[in-house]
């Protein structure tokens, strides 16, 4: 209809509304626990870059999202560690670390252990729980957040 109009599409009211609607819907995030690729989450070391502040549908950019959110909000690292302590009281710290030249991974430090743990050493439920914690605690909130079956694979507590 806009293409056949005598007026240029950008001058029509529908064009402006369609653009606003597209922008609004573009800020919506839908997650389904069944769509998460937990193996990819564990082994992925995404390249460092400032654009990822929302978890991808597969969750493969988890480490990068944590890194970027900490860069944008200093308190995010402590709020994430605090949330992990509420679930696993032996948690000391949870943080991203640089690996290689331009990649990032996640370390999980526990009381009583000198060495840290990485995502590839965590269970499916632990990785999924971490994804939801990062999403829900994020200081950058999407326009709409929908999580389908967030309890899938998580321990009841």
N, C-alpha and C. Protein backbone atom coordinates (compact mmCIF):
# COMPACT_ATOMS: atom_id res chain seq x y z
N UNK A 1 0.83 -1.18 0.00
CA UNK A 1 0.00 0.00 0.00
C UNK A 1 0.88 1.26 0.00
N UNK A 2 1.93 1.25 0.83
CA UNK A 2 2.80 2.42 0.87
C UNK A 2 3.57 2.60 -0.44
N UNK A 3 3.94 1.48 -1.05
CA UNK A 3 4.71 1.57 -2.30
C UNK A 3 3.88 2.16 -3.43
N UNK A 4 2.56 1.92 -3.42
CA UNK A 4 1.70 2.41 -4.49
C UNK A 4 1.15 3.80 -4.19
N UNK A 5 1.47 4.35 -3.04
CA UNK A 5 0.98 5.67 -2.65
C UNK A 5 1.64 6.76 -3.49
N UNK A 6 0.91 7.85 -3.71
CA UNK A 6 1.46 8.99 -4.43
C UNK A 6 2.49 9.73 -3.58
N UNK A 7 2.32 9.66 -2.25
CA UNK A 7 3.26 10.31 -1.33
C UNK A 7 4.40 9.37 -1.01
N UNK A 8 5.59 9.91 -0.76
CA UNK A 8 6.70 9.05 -0.32
C UNK A 8 6.30 8.34 0.98
N UNK A 9 6.66 7.07 1.15
CA UNK A 9 6.24 6.30 2.35
C UNK A 9 6.62 6.98 3.67
N UNK A 10 7.76 7.65 3.70
CA UNK A 10 8.19 8.25 4.97
C UNK A 10 7.32 9.44 5.40
N UNK A 11 6.46 9.91 4.50
CA UNK A 11 5.56 11.02 4.85
C UNK A 11 4.19 10.53 5.32
N UNK A 12 3.96 9.28 5.28
CA UNK A 12 2.65 8.75 5.70
C UNK A 12 2.66 8.43 7.19
N UNK A 13 1.52 8.61 7.86
CA UNK A 13 1.45 8.29 9.30
C UNK A 13 1.74 6.82 9.59
N UNK A 14 1.34 5.95 8.69
CA UNK A 14 1.53 4.52 8.90
C UNK A 14 3.02 4.19 8.94
N UNK A 15 3.80 4.86 8.13
CA UNK A 15 5.24 4.61 8.09
C UNK A 15 5.88 4.92 9.45
N UNK A 16 5.51 6.05 10.03
CA UNK A 16 6.06 6.43 11.33
C UNK A 16 5.64 5.43 12.40
N UNK A 17 4.38 5.05 12.41
CA UNK A 17 3.87 4.10 13.40
C UNK A 17 4.56 2.75 13.23
N UNK A 18 4.72 2.32 11.98
CA UNK A 18 5.39 1.03 11.73
C UNK A 18 6.83 1.07 12.24
N UNK A 19 7.51 2.18 12.07
CA UNK A 19 8.88 2.31 12.56
C UNK A 19 8.94 2.25 14.08
N UNK A 20 8.03 2.96 14.74
CA UNK A 20 7.98 2.94 16.20
C UNK A 20 7.65 1.56 16.72
N UNK A 21 6.72 0.89 16.06
CA UNK A 21 6.34 -0.47 16.46
C UNK A 21 7.50 -1.44 16.29
N UNK A 22 8.22 -1.32 15.18
CA UNK A 22 9.38 -2.17 14.93
C UNK A 22 10.46 -1.94 15.99
N UNK A 23 10.70 -0.69 16.35
CA UNK A 23 11.69 -0.37 17.39
C UNK A 23 11.27 -0.94 18.74
N UNK A 24 10.00 -0.81 19.07
CA UNK A 24 9.50 -1.33 20.35
C UNK A 24 9.63 -2.84 20.43
N UNK A 25 9.20 -3.52 19.41
CA UNK A 25 9.26 -4.99 19.39
C UNK A 25 10.71 -5.45 19.37
N UNK A 26 11.59 -4.69 18.76
CA UNK A 26 13.01 -5.03 18.72
C UNK A 26 13.67 -5.03 20.09
N UNK A 27 13.03 -4.39 21.07
CA UNK A 27 13.56 -4.37 22.44
C UNK A 27 12.95 -5.46 23.31
N UNK A 28 12.20 -6.36 22.72
CA UNK A 28 11.61 -7.47 23.46
C UNK A 28 12.54 -8.68 23.38
N UNK A 29 12.65 -9.41 24.49
CA UNK A 29 13.48 -10.61 24.53
C UNK A 29 12.66 -11.78 25.03
N UNK A 30 12.71 -12.87 24.26
CA UNK A 30 12.00 -14.09 24.59
C UNK A 30 13.01 -15.21 24.78
N UNK A 31 12.94 -15.87 25.91
CA UNK A 31 13.84 -16.98 26.20
C UNK A 31 13.04 -18.23 26.50
N UNK A 32 13.52 -19.35 26.02
CA UNK A 32 12.93 -20.65 26.31
C UNK A 32 14.08 -21.55 26.73
N UNK A 33 13.94 -22.15 27.90
CA UNK A 33 15.02 -23.01 28.43
C UNK A 33 15.38 -24.11 27.44
N UNK A 34 14.42 -24.57 26.65
CA UNK A 34 14.70 -25.63 25.69
C UNK A 34 15.57 -25.15 24.53
N UNK A 35 15.61 -23.85 24.30
CA UNK A 35 16.42 -23.31 23.20
C UNK A 35 17.87 -23.07 23.60
N UNK A 36 18.16 -23.16 24.89
CA UNK A 36 19.52 -22.91 25.34
C UNK A 36 20.44 -24.04 24.92
N UNK A 37 21.59 -23.67 24.43
CA UNK A 37 22.60 -24.64 24.05
C UNK A 37 23.64 -24.68 25.16
N UNK A 38 23.40 -25.53 26.15
CA UNK A 38 24.24 -25.52 27.35
C UNK A 38 25.67 -25.95 27.04
N UNK A 39 25.85 -26.83 26.09
CA UNK A 39 27.21 -27.24 25.73
C UNK A 39 27.97 -26.06 25.12
N UNK A 40 27.28 -25.30 24.27
CA UNK A 40 27.90 -24.12 23.67
C UNK A 40 28.18 -23.06 24.74
N UNK A 41 27.26 -22.94 25.72
CA UNK A 41 27.47 -21.99 26.83
C UNK A 41 28.76 -22.32 27.57
N UNK A 42 28.97 -23.59 27.81
CA UNK A 42 30.14 -24.01 28.59
C UNK A 42 31.46 -23.80 27.87
N UNK A 43 31.46 -24.02 26.58
CA UNK A 43 32.72 -24.01 25.83
C UNK A 43 32.96 -22.71 25.07
N UNK A 44 31.96 -21.88 24.94
CA UNK A 44 32.10 -20.64 24.18
C UNK A 44 32.98 -19.64 24.92
N UNK A 45 33.87 -19.03 24.18
CA UNK A 45 34.67 -17.91 24.68
C UNK A 45 34.47 -16.77 23.69
N UNK A 46 33.38 -16.01 23.87
CA UNK A 46 33.06 -14.97 22.90
C UNK A 46 34.12 -13.89 22.84
N UNK A 47 34.21 -13.28 21.68
CA UNK A 47 35.17 -12.19 21.47
C UNK A 47 34.70 -10.95 22.20
N UNK A 48 35.63 -10.23 22.78
CA UNK A 48 35.33 -9.04 23.55
C UNK A 48 34.79 -7.95 22.62
N UNK A 49 33.72 -7.34 23.05
CA UNK A 49 33.09 -6.25 22.30
C UNK A 49 31.99 -5.65 23.14
N UNK A 50 31.69 -4.39 22.95
CA UNK A 50 30.76 -3.68 23.82
C UNK A 50 29.28 -3.88 23.53
N UNK A 51 28.93 -4.57 22.47
CA UNK A 51 27.54 -4.60 22.05
C UNK A 51 26.65 -5.58 22.80
N UNK A 52 27.16 -6.67 23.29
CA UNK A 52 26.32 -7.68 23.93
C UNK A 52 26.04 -7.32 25.38
N UNK A 53 24.81 -6.85 25.64
CA UNK A 53 24.40 -6.63 27.02
C UNK A 53 23.17 -7.47 27.36
N UNK A 54 22.66 -8.18 26.34
CA UNK A 54 21.55 -9.10 26.55
C UNK A 54 21.98 -10.49 26.14
N UNK A 55 21.54 -11.46 26.89
CA UNK A 55 21.85 -12.85 26.61
C UNK A 55 21.21 -13.28 25.29
N UNK A 56 21.95 -14.00 24.46
CA UNK A 56 21.38 -14.52 23.22
C UNK A 56 20.40 -15.64 23.56
N UNK A 57 19.57 -16.02 22.61
CA UNK A 57 18.60 -17.10 22.86
C UNK A 57 19.27 -18.41 23.25
N UNK A 58 20.44 -18.68 22.68
CA UNK A 58 21.15 -19.91 23.02
C UNK A 58 21.98 -19.75 24.30
N UNK A 59 22.25 -18.51 24.69
CA UNK A 59 23.04 -18.24 25.88
C UNK A 59 24.54 -18.30 25.67
N UNK A 60 24.98 -18.48 24.43
CA UNK A 60 26.41 -18.67 24.16
C UNK A 60 27.26 -17.44 24.49
N UNK A 61 26.64 -16.27 24.61
CA UNK A 61 27.40 -15.05 24.89
C UNK A 61 27.37 -14.67 26.37
N UNK A 62 27.09 -15.62 27.24
CA UNK A 62 26.96 -15.38 28.68
C UNK A 62 28.17 -14.64 29.25
N UNK A 63 29.36 -15.12 28.99
CA UNK A 63 30.57 -14.50 29.53
C UNK A 63 30.71 -13.06 29.06
N UNK A 64 30.43 -12.81 27.80
CA UNK A 64 30.55 -11.46 27.25
C UNK A 64 29.50 -10.53 27.86
N UNK A 65 28.29 -11.01 28.05
CA UNK A 65 27.24 -10.20 28.67
C UNK A 65 27.65 -9.80 30.08
N UNK A 66 28.16 -10.76 30.85
CA UNK A 66 28.60 -10.46 32.21
C UNK A 66 29.73 -9.42 32.18
N UNK A 67 30.69 -9.61 31.31
CA UNK A 67 31.81 -8.67 31.16
C UNK A 67 31.29 -7.26 30.85
N UNK A 68 30.41 -7.14 29.87
CA UNK A 68 29.92 -5.83 29.45
C UNK A 68 29.04 -5.17 30.52
N UNK A 69 28.23 -5.96 31.21
CA UNK A 69 27.39 -5.38 32.26
C UNK A 69 28.23 -4.87 33.43
N UNK A 70 29.30 -5.58 33.76
CA UNK A 70 30.20 -5.12 34.81
C UNK A 70 30.90 -3.83 34.38
N UNK A 71 31.27 -3.74 33.10
CA UNK A 71 31.92 -2.53 32.60
C UNK A 71 30.97 -1.33 32.68
N UNK A 72 29.67 -1.58 32.49
CA UNK A 72 28.70 -0.49 32.50
C UNK A 72 28.16 -0.17 33.89
N UNK A 73 28.18 -1.17 34.80
CA UNK A 73 27.64 -0.98 36.14
C UNK A 73 28.54 -1.72 37.13
N UNK A 74 29.34 -0.97 37.86
CA UNK A 74 30.34 -1.54 38.76
C UNK A 74 29.71 -2.48 39.79
N UNK A 75 28.50 -2.20 40.23
CA UNK A 75 27.84 -3.00 41.27
C UNK A 75 27.30 -4.33 40.76
N UNK A 76 27.24 -4.53 39.43
CA UNK A 76 26.65 -5.75 38.90
C UNK A 76 27.43 -7.00 39.33
N UNK A 77 28.76 -6.93 39.34
CA UNK A 77 29.56 -8.09 39.72
C UNK A 77 29.22 -8.53 41.15
N UNK A 78 29.10 -7.59 42.07
CA UNK A 78 28.78 -7.94 43.46
C UNK A 78 27.35 -8.45 43.58
N UNK A 79 26.41 -7.85 42.86
CA UNK A 79 25.02 -8.33 42.95
C UNK A 79 24.89 -9.74 42.39
N UNK A 80 25.65 -10.05 41.35
CA UNK A 80 25.63 -11.41 40.80
C UNK A 80 26.28 -12.39 41.78
N UNK A 81 27.41 -12.02 42.36
CA UNK A 81 28.06 -12.89 43.35
C UNK A 81 27.16 -13.10 44.57
N UNK A 82 26.50 -12.04 45.00
CA UNK A 82 25.58 -12.14 46.14
C UNK A 82 24.42 -13.08 45.84
N UNK A 83 23.88 -12.99 44.64
CA UNK A 83 22.78 -13.88 44.24
C UNK A 83 23.25 -15.33 44.21
N UNK A 84 24.47 -15.56 43.71
CA UNK A 84 25.00 -16.93 43.68
C UNK A 84 25.25 -17.44 45.10
N UNK A 85 25.68 -16.56 46.00
CA UNK A 85 25.86 -16.96 47.41
C UNK A 85 24.54 -17.33 48.06
N UNK A 86 23.45 -16.68 47.66
CA UNK A 86 22.15 -17.02 48.25
C UNK A 86 21.70 -18.42 47.85
N UNK A 87 22.19 -18.91 46.73
CA UNK A 87 21.85 -20.25 46.25
C UNK A 87 22.92 -21.25 46.66
N UNK A 88 24.19 -20.86 46.47
CA UNK A 88 25.33 -21.70 46.85
C UNK A 88 26.18 -20.90 47.84
N UNK A 89 25.93 -21.06 49.15
CA UNK A 89 26.57 -20.22 50.17
C UNK A 89 28.10 -20.24 50.17
N UNK A 90 28.72 -21.25 49.57
CA UNK A 90 30.18 -21.30 49.54
C UNK A 90 30.78 -20.45 48.42
N UNK A 91 29.93 -19.79 47.64
CA UNK A 91 30.41 -18.91 46.57
C UNK A 91 31.16 -17.73 47.18
N UNK A 92 32.38 -17.49 46.70
CA UNK A 92 33.13 -16.30 47.10
C UNK A 92 32.94 -15.19 46.08
N UNK A 93 33.16 -15.55 44.83
CA UNK A 93 33.14 -14.54 43.78
C UNK A 93 32.85 -15.18 42.45
N UNK A 94 32.20 -14.43 41.62
CA UNK A 94 31.90 -14.85 40.27
C UNK A 94 32.31 -13.71 39.35
N UNK A 95 33.18 -14.00 38.35
CA UNK A 95 33.65 -12.89 37.52
C UNK A 95 34.12 -13.35 36.15
N UNK A 96 34.09 -12.44 35.20
CA UNK A 96 34.64 -12.73 33.87
C UNK A 96 36.15 -12.53 33.87
N UNK A 97 36.84 -13.28 33.05
CA UNK A 97 38.29 -13.14 32.89
C UNK A 97 38.63 -13.18 31.41
N UNK A 98 39.66 -12.44 31.06
CA UNK A 98 40.12 -12.43 29.67
C UNK A 98 40.92 -13.69 29.40
N UNK A 99 40.66 -14.30 28.25
CA UNK A 99 41.42 -15.47 27.82
C UNK A 99 41.91 -15.21 26.41
N UNK A 100 43.09 -15.64 26.13
CA UNK A 100 43.63 -15.39 24.80
C UNK A 100 43.76 -13.90 24.56
N UNK A 101 43.71 -13.49 23.31
CA UNK A 101 43.87 -12.08 22.99
C UNK A 101 42.58 -11.28 23.13
N UNK A 102 41.48 -11.81 22.66
CA UNK A 102 40.25 -11.03 22.61
C UNK A 102 39.03 -11.82 23.07
N UNK A 103 39.20 -12.78 23.95
CA UNK A 103 38.08 -13.61 24.38
C UNK A 103 37.86 -13.45 25.88
N UNK A 104 36.70 -13.88 26.32
CA UNK A 104 36.35 -13.79 27.73
C UNK A 104 35.68 -15.09 28.18
N UNK A 105 35.96 -15.48 29.41
CA UNK A 105 35.36 -16.67 30.02
C UNK A 105 34.90 -16.29 31.42
N UNK A 106 34.25 -17.21 32.13
CA UNK A 106 33.77 -16.94 33.48
C UNK A 106 34.46 -17.83 34.49
N UNK A 107 34.81 -17.24 35.62
CA UNK A 107 35.38 -17.99 36.74
C UNK A 107 34.42 -17.93 37.93
N UNK A 108 34.34 -19.07 38.63
CA UNK A 108 33.51 -19.13 39.82
C UNK A 108 34.42 -19.57 40.96
N UNK A 109 34.57 -18.73 41.96
CA UNK A 109 35.44 -19.00 43.10
C UNK A 109 34.59 -19.43 44.29
N UNK A 110 35.05 -20.50 44.99
CA UNK A 110 34.33 -21.01 46.15
C UNK A 110 35.24 -20.99 47.38
N UNK A 111 34.64 -20.81 48.54
CA UNK A 111 35.37 -20.88 49.80
C UNK A 111 35.92 -22.29 49.95
N UNK A 112 37.14 -22.38 50.42
CA UNK A 112 37.76 -23.68 50.65
C UNK A 112 38.47 -24.25 49.44
N UNK A 113 38.43 -23.57 48.30
CA UNK A 113 39.11 -24.02 47.09
C UNK A 113 40.06 -22.93 46.62
N UNK A 114 41.29 -23.28 46.39
CA UNK A 114 42.26 -22.32 45.88
C UNK A 114 42.01 -22.04 44.40
N UNK A 115 41.66 -23.10 43.67
CA UNK A 115 41.44 -22.95 42.23
C UNK A 115 39.99 -22.58 41.96
N UNK A 116 39.78 -21.86 40.87
CA UNK A 116 38.42 -21.49 40.49
C UNK A 116 37.84 -22.56 39.56
N UNK A 117 36.53 -22.46 39.35
CA UNK A 117 35.84 -23.34 38.44
C UNK A 117 35.38 -22.53 37.23
N UNK A 118 35.28 -23.20 36.09
CA UNK A 118 34.82 -22.56 34.86
C UNK A 118 33.50 -23.18 34.45
N UNK A 119 32.81 -22.54 33.51
CA UNK A 119 31.49 -23.02 33.08
C UNK A 119 31.53 -24.46 32.57
N UNK A 120 32.62 -24.84 31.91
CA UNK A 120 32.68 -26.20 31.37
C UNK A 120 32.75 -27.26 32.46
N UNK A 121 32.90 -26.83 33.72
CA UNK A 121 32.93 -27.76 34.85
C UNK A 121 31.62 -27.75 35.64
N UNK A 122 30.64 -26.98 35.16
CA UNK A 122 29.36 -26.84 35.86
C UNK A 122 28.28 -27.72 35.25
N UNK A 123 27.29 -28.05 36.05
CA UNK A 123 26.16 -28.86 35.58
C UNK A 123 25.24 -28.01 34.70
N UNK A 124 24.37 -28.70 33.95
CA UNK A 124 23.40 -27.99 33.11
C UNK A 124 22.57 -27.02 33.93
N UNK A 125 22.05 -27.49 35.06
CA UNK A 125 21.20 -26.66 35.90
C UNK A 125 21.92 -25.44 36.44
N UNK A 126 23.19 -25.59 36.78
CA UNK A 126 23.97 -24.47 37.30
C UNK A 126 24.20 -23.43 36.21
N UNK A 127 24.51 -23.87 35.01
CA UNK A 127 24.72 -22.93 33.90
C UNK A 127 23.41 -22.22 33.56
N UNK A 128 22.32 -22.96 33.53
CA UNK A 128 21.01 -22.36 33.24
C UNK A 128 20.64 -21.35 34.33
N UNK A 129 20.87 -21.72 35.60
CA UNK A 129 20.57 -20.82 36.72
C UNK A 129 21.38 -19.52 36.57
N UNK A 130 22.61 -19.64 36.19
CA UNK A 130 23.46 -18.47 36.00
C UNK A 130 22.93 -17.58 34.87
N UNK A 131 22.49 -18.19 33.79
CA UNK A 131 21.91 -17.42 32.68
C UNK A 131 20.71 -16.61 33.16
N UNK A 132 19.83 -17.24 33.92
CA UNK A 132 18.64 -16.54 34.41
C UNK A 132 19.03 -15.45 35.41
N UNK A 133 20.01 -15.72 36.27
CA UNK A 133 20.45 -14.72 37.24
C UNK A 133 20.99 -13.48 36.52
N UNK A 134 21.82 -13.69 35.51
CA UNK A 134 22.38 -12.57 34.75
C UNK A 134 21.25 -11.79 34.07
N UNK A 135 20.31 -12.49 33.49
CA UNK A 135 19.20 -11.84 32.80
C UNK A 135 18.32 -11.04 33.76
N UNK A 136 17.99 -11.64 34.90
CA UNK A 136 17.07 -10.99 35.83
C UNK A 136 17.72 -9.91 36.69
N UNK A 137 19.01 -10.00 36.93
CA UNK A 137 19.71 -9.00 37.74
C UNK A 137 20.30 -7.87 36.91
N UNK A 138 20.24 -7.99 35.62
CA UNK A 138 20.86 -7.01 34.73
C UNK A 138 20.35 -5.60 34.98
N UNK A 139 21.26 -4.63 35.03
CA UNK A 139 20.82 -3.23 35.14
C UNK A 139 20.23 -2.71 33.83
N UNK A 140 20.43 -3.46 32.75
CA UNK A 140 19.89 -3.10 31.44
C UNK A 140 18.69 -4.02 31.17
N UNK A 141 17.50 -3.47 31.29
CA UNK A 141 16.28 -4.27 31.18
C UNK A 141 15.68 -4.09 29.79
N UNK A 142 15.31 -5.20 29.13
CA UNK A 142 14.66 -5.07 27.81
C UNK A 142 13.24 -4.51 27.97
N UNK A 143 12.65 -4.07 26.86
CA UNK A 143 11.30 -3.54 26.89
C UNK A 143 10.29 -4.55 27.39
N UNK A 144 10.49 -5.81 27.06
CA UNK A 144 9.64 -6.91 27.53
C UNK A 144 10.54 -8.12 27.68
N UNK A 145 10.42 -8.82 28.79
CA UNK A 145 11.23 -10.01 29.04
C UNK A 145 10.28 -11.17 29.30
N UNK A 146 10.39 -12.21 28.48
CA UNK A 146 9.56 -13.40 28.64
C UNK A 146 10.50 -14.60 28.75
N UNK A 147 10.35 -15.37 29.83
CA UNK A 147 11.15 -16.58 30.02
C UNK A 147 10.19 -17.74 30.15
N UNK A 148 10.24 -18.64 29.19
CA UNK A 148 9.38 -19.82 29.19
C UNK A 148 10.11 -20.97 29.84
N UNK A 149 9.49 -21.60 30.80
CA UNK A 149 10.03 -22.75 31.54
C UNK A 149 11.38 -22.46 32.19
N UNK A 150 11.49 -21.38 32.96
CA UNK A 150 12.79 -21.05 33.58
C UNK A 150 13.25 -22.10 34.59
N UNK A 151 12.31 -22.86 35.13
CA UNK A 151 12.67 -23.86 36.16
C UNK A 151 13.21 -25.17 35.56
N UNK A 152 13.17 -25.30 34.26
CA UNK A 152 13.61 -26.53 33.59
C UNK A 152 15.06 -26.85 33.94
N UNK A 153 15.28 -27.99 34.56
CA UNK A 153 16.63 -28.45 34.86
C UNK A 153 17.25 -27.83 36.09
N UNK A 154 16.50 -27.00 36.84
CA UNK A 154 17.05 -26.38 38.03
C UNK A 154 16.71 -27.19 39.28
N UNK A 155 17.54 -27.10 40.28
CA UNK A 155 17.26 -27.71 41.57
C UNK A 155 16.10 -26.96 42.19
N UNK A 156 15.23 -27.66 42.90
CA UNK A 156 14.01 -27.04 43.43
C UNK A 156 14.30 -25.88 44.38
N UNK A 157 15.43 -25.90 45.10
CA UNK A 157 15.70 -24.77 46.01
C UNK A 157 16.13 -23.55 45.22
